[in-house]
C-alpha atoms as a PDB file:
ATOM      1  CA  MET A   1     144.444-130.591-156.308  1.00  0.00           C
ATOM      2  CA  TYR A   2     142.899-130.507-159.788  1.00  0.00           C
ATOM      3  CA  ILE A   3     141.354-127.497-161.567  1.00  0.00           C
ATOM      4  CA  VAL A   4     138.844-127.372-164.429  1.00  0.00           C
ATOM      5  CA  LEU A   5     138.309-124.105-166.364  1.00  0.00           C
ATOM      6  CA  TYR A   6     134.932-123.426-167.979  1.00  0.00           C
ATOM      7  CA  ARG A   7     133.751-120.743-170.386  1.00  0.00           C
ATOM      8  CA  PHE A   8     130.094-119.796-170.740  1.00  0.00           C
ATOM      9  CA  GLU A   9     128.474-117.674-173.437  1.00  0.00           C
ATOM     10  CA  VAL A  10     125.213-116.487-171.904  1.00  0.00           C
ATOM     11  CA  LYS A  11     122.283-115.291-173.996  1.00  0.00           C
ATOM     12  CA  LEU A  12     121.279-111.636-173.597  1.00  0.00           C
ATOM     13  CA  ASN A  13     119.027-111.026-170.582  1.00  0.00           C
ATOM     14  CA  GLU A  14     119.642-114.570-169.286  1.00  0.00           C
ATOM     15  CA  SER A  15     122.440-113.850-166.794  1.00  0.00           C
ATOM     16  CA  GLU A  16     120.177-114.144-163.737  1.00  0.00           C
ATOM     17  CA  SER A  17     118.901-117.578-164.805  1.00  0.00           C
ATOM     18  CA  PHE A  18     122.402-118.726-165.674  1.00  0.00           C
ATOM     19  CA  GLU A  19     123.853-117.599-162.330  1.00  0.00           C
ATOM     20  CA  LYS A  20     121.021-119.322-160.436  1.00  0.00           C
ATOM     21  CA  GLY A  21     121.592-122.564-162.342  1.00  0.00           C
ATOM     22  CA  TRP A  22     125.362-122.394-161.919  1.00  0.00           C
ATOM     23  CA  ALA A  23     125.150-121.758-158.158  1.00  0.00           C
ATOM     24  CA  GLY A  24     122.579-124.492-157.599  1.00  0.00           C
ATOM     25  CA  LEU A  25     124.485-127.108-159.568  1.00  0.00           C
ATOM     26  CA  THR A  26     127.826-126.111-158.058  1.00  0.00           C
ATOM     27  CA  ASN A  27     126.441-126.446-154.525  1.00  0.00           C
ATOM     28  CA  LEU A  28     125.035-129.901-155.266  1.00  0.00           C
ATOM     29  CA  ILE A  29     128.326-131.054-156.797  1.00  0.00           C
ATOM     30  CA  TYR A  30     130.140-129.823-153.694  1.00  0.00           C
ATOM     31  CA  LYS A  31     127.716-131.571-151.328  1.00  0.00           C
ATOM     32  CA  HIS A  32     127.270-134.853-153.216  1.00  0.00           C
ATOM     33  CA  GLU A  33     130.359-135.373-155.376  1.00  0.00           C
ATOM     34  CA  GLY A  34     133.250-134.149-153.238  1.00  0.00           C
ATOM     35  CA  SER A  35     134.360-131.123-155.223  1.00  0.00           C
ATOM     36  CA  LEU A  36     136.148-128.321-153.398  1.00  0.00           C
ATOM     37  CA  GLY A  37     133.853-125.679-154.884  1.00  0.00           C
ATOM     38  CA  SER A  38     134.047-123.257-157.770  1.00  0.00           C
ATOM     39  CA  ARG A  39     134.353-119.545-158.544  1.00  0.00           C
ATOM     40  CA  LEU A  40     132.375-117.752-161.231  1.00  0.00           C
ATOM     41  CA  HIS A  41     133.742-114.667-163.005  1.00  0.00           C
ATOM     42  CA  LYS A  42     131.856-112.278-165.284  1.00  0.00           C
ATOM     43  CA  LYS A  43     133.652-110.450-168.094  1.00  0.00           C
ATOM     44  CA  SER A  44     130.591-108.959-169.766  1.00  0.00           C
ATOM     45  CA  GLU A  45     126.822-109.405-169.909  1.00  0.00           C
ATOM     46  CA  THR A  46     127.299-112.505-172.037  1.00  0.00           C
ATOM     47  CA  GLU A  47     130.730-113.883-171.109  1.00  0.00           C
ATOM     48  CA  TYR A  48     131.548-115.821-167.949  1.00  0.00           C
ATOM     49  CA  MET A  49     134.392-118.031-166.816  1.00  0.00           C
ATOM     50  CA  ALA A  50     134.501-120.432-163.881  1.00  0.00           C
ATOM     51  CA  TYR A  51     137.060-122.690-162.347  1.00  0.00           C
ATOM     52  CA  ALA A  52     136.216-125.682-160.243  1.00  0.00           C
ATOM     53  CA  GLN A  53     138.568-127.242-157.723  1.00  0.00           C
ATOM     54  CA  TRP A  54     138.730-130.961-157.052  1.00  0.00           C
ATOM     55  CA  PRO A  55     140.874-132.975-154.647  1.00  0.00           C
ATOM     56  CA  ASN A  56     142.352-134.880-157.611  1.00  0.00           C
ATOM     57  CA  LYS A  57     141.773-135.783-161.261  1.00  0.00           C
ATOM     58  CA  ASN A  58     140.147-139.129-160.466  1.00  0.00           C
ATOM     59  CA  LYS A  59     137.523-137.502-158.213  1.00  0.00           C
ATOM     60  CA  PHE A  60     136.569-135.140-161.078  1.00  0.00           C
ATOM     61  CA  GLU A  61     136.462-137.876-163.714  1.00  0.00           C
ATOM     62  CA  THR A  62     134.281-140.215-161.643  1.00  0.00           C
ATOM     63  CA  ALA A  63     131.804-137.573-160.413  1.00  0.00           C
ATOM     64  CA  GLY A  64     128.187-137.462-161.511  1.00  0.00           C
ATOM     65  CA  ASP A  65     126.418-140.523-160.180  1.00  0.00           C
ATOM     66  CA  ASN A  66     125.633-139.151-156.722  1.00  0.00           C
ATOM     67  CA  LEU A  67     123.699-136.025-157.676  1.00  0.00           C
ATOM     68  CA  PRO A  68     120.028-135.713-156.676  1.00  0.00           C
ATOM     69  CA  GLU A  69     117.297-135.175-159.285  1.00  0.00           C
ATOM     70  CA  LYS A  70     117.301-131.430-158.510  1.00  0.00           C
ATOM     71  CA  ALA A  71     120.660-131.197-160.326  1.00  0.00           C
ATOM     72  CA  GLU A  72     118.918-131.698-163.677  1.00  0.00           C
ATOM     73  CA  GLU A  73     116.766-128.588-163.067  1.00  0.00           C
ATOM     74  CA  PHE A  74     119.903-126.500-162.517  1.00  0.00           C
ATOM     75  CA  ARG A  75     121.612-128.029-165.563  1.00  0.00           C
ATOM     76  CA  GLU A  76     118.582-127.196-167.679  1.00  0.00           C
ATOM     77  CA  LEU A  77     118.628-123.576-166.445  1.00  0.00           C
ATOM     78  CA  MET A  78     122.256-123.341-167.517  1.00  0.00           C
ATOM     79  CA  ARG A  79     121.674-125.039-170.894  1.00  0.00           C
ATOM     80  CA  THR A  80     118.724-122.840-171.827  1.00  0.00           C
ATOM     81  CA  SER A  81     120.415-119.608-170.726  1.00  0.00           C
ATOM     82  CA  CYS A  82     123.680-120.286-172.593  1.00  0.00           C
ATOM     83  CA  SER A  83     124.515-120.314-176.283  1.00  0.00           C
ATOM     84  CA  ASN A  84     127.773-122.170-175.539  1.00  0.00           C
ATOM     85  CA  ILE A  85     129.312-124.045-172.603  1.00  0.00           C
ATOM     86  CA  GLU A  86     132.832-125.408-172.881  1.00  0.00           C
ATOM     87  CA  ILE A  87     135.623-126.839-170.793  1.00  0.00           C
ATOM     88  CA  MET A  88     138.616-124.695-171.679  1.00  0.00           C
ATOM     89  CA  ASN A  89     141.296-126.696-169.898  1.00  0.00           C
ATOM     90  CA  LYS A  90     142.208-128.943-166.980  1.00  0.00           C
ATOM     91  CA  PHE A  91     145.239-128.590-164.708  1.00  0.00           C
ATOM     92  CA  ASP A  92     147.012-130.155-161.771  1.00  0.00           C
ATOM     93  CA  VAL A  93     147.752-127.541-159.104  1.00  0.00           C
ATOM     94  CA  VAL A  94     151.459-127.099-158.484  1.00  0.00           C
ATOM     95  CA  ASN A  95     151.285-124.435-155.781  1.00  0.00           C
ATOM     96  CA  ASP A  96     148.315-122.659-154.161  1.00  0.00           C
ATOM     97  CA  LEU A  97     148.928-119.211-152.677  1.00  0.00           C
ATOM     98  CA  LEU A  98     145.321-118.027-152.903  1.00  0.00           C
ATOM     99  CA  VAL A  99     144.305-116.645-149.523  1.00  0.00           C
ATOM    100  CA  LYS A 100     140.758-117.211-148.385  1.00  0.00           C
ATOM    101  CA  LYS A 101     139.763-113.909-146.859  1.00  0.00           C
ATOM    102  CA  PRO A 102     136.319-112.367-146.366  1.00  0.00           C
ATOM    103  CA  TYR A 103     135.386-109.714-148.890  1.00  0.00           C
ATOM    104  CA  GLU A 104     135.891-106.195-147.624  1.00  0.00           C
END
C-alpha cells in the first residue's frame, strides 16, 4: 500500500466549501481511479491534513485520466477555499494495524 499526506490551509469561513470539495473529489478518485480512499483531519478552523491510501505507488502516479468532468468542480471548490494546498510526504506502508470499526 502507498500513502500520500496532504496539508491544507483553508481561508476563514471557507471550511464548509473546502470539505464539500474534498469529499466530492475524494469519492470520484475512489470510484474512477482505484484509490483506497482518504481521511480528512481538522486541527483548527484553517488547518487540515488528509492522507490518501493507494494500492501502490504506480497506481497513484498514473491516476487522473479517468475522472469525470464533475471532478473539476470539486477541485475548483478546494482551490478557491484554500490559501495553500501541499503534498507533505509520500510513504510505502510497512505494516497496517488500523482497525476499521464503526464510530461509537
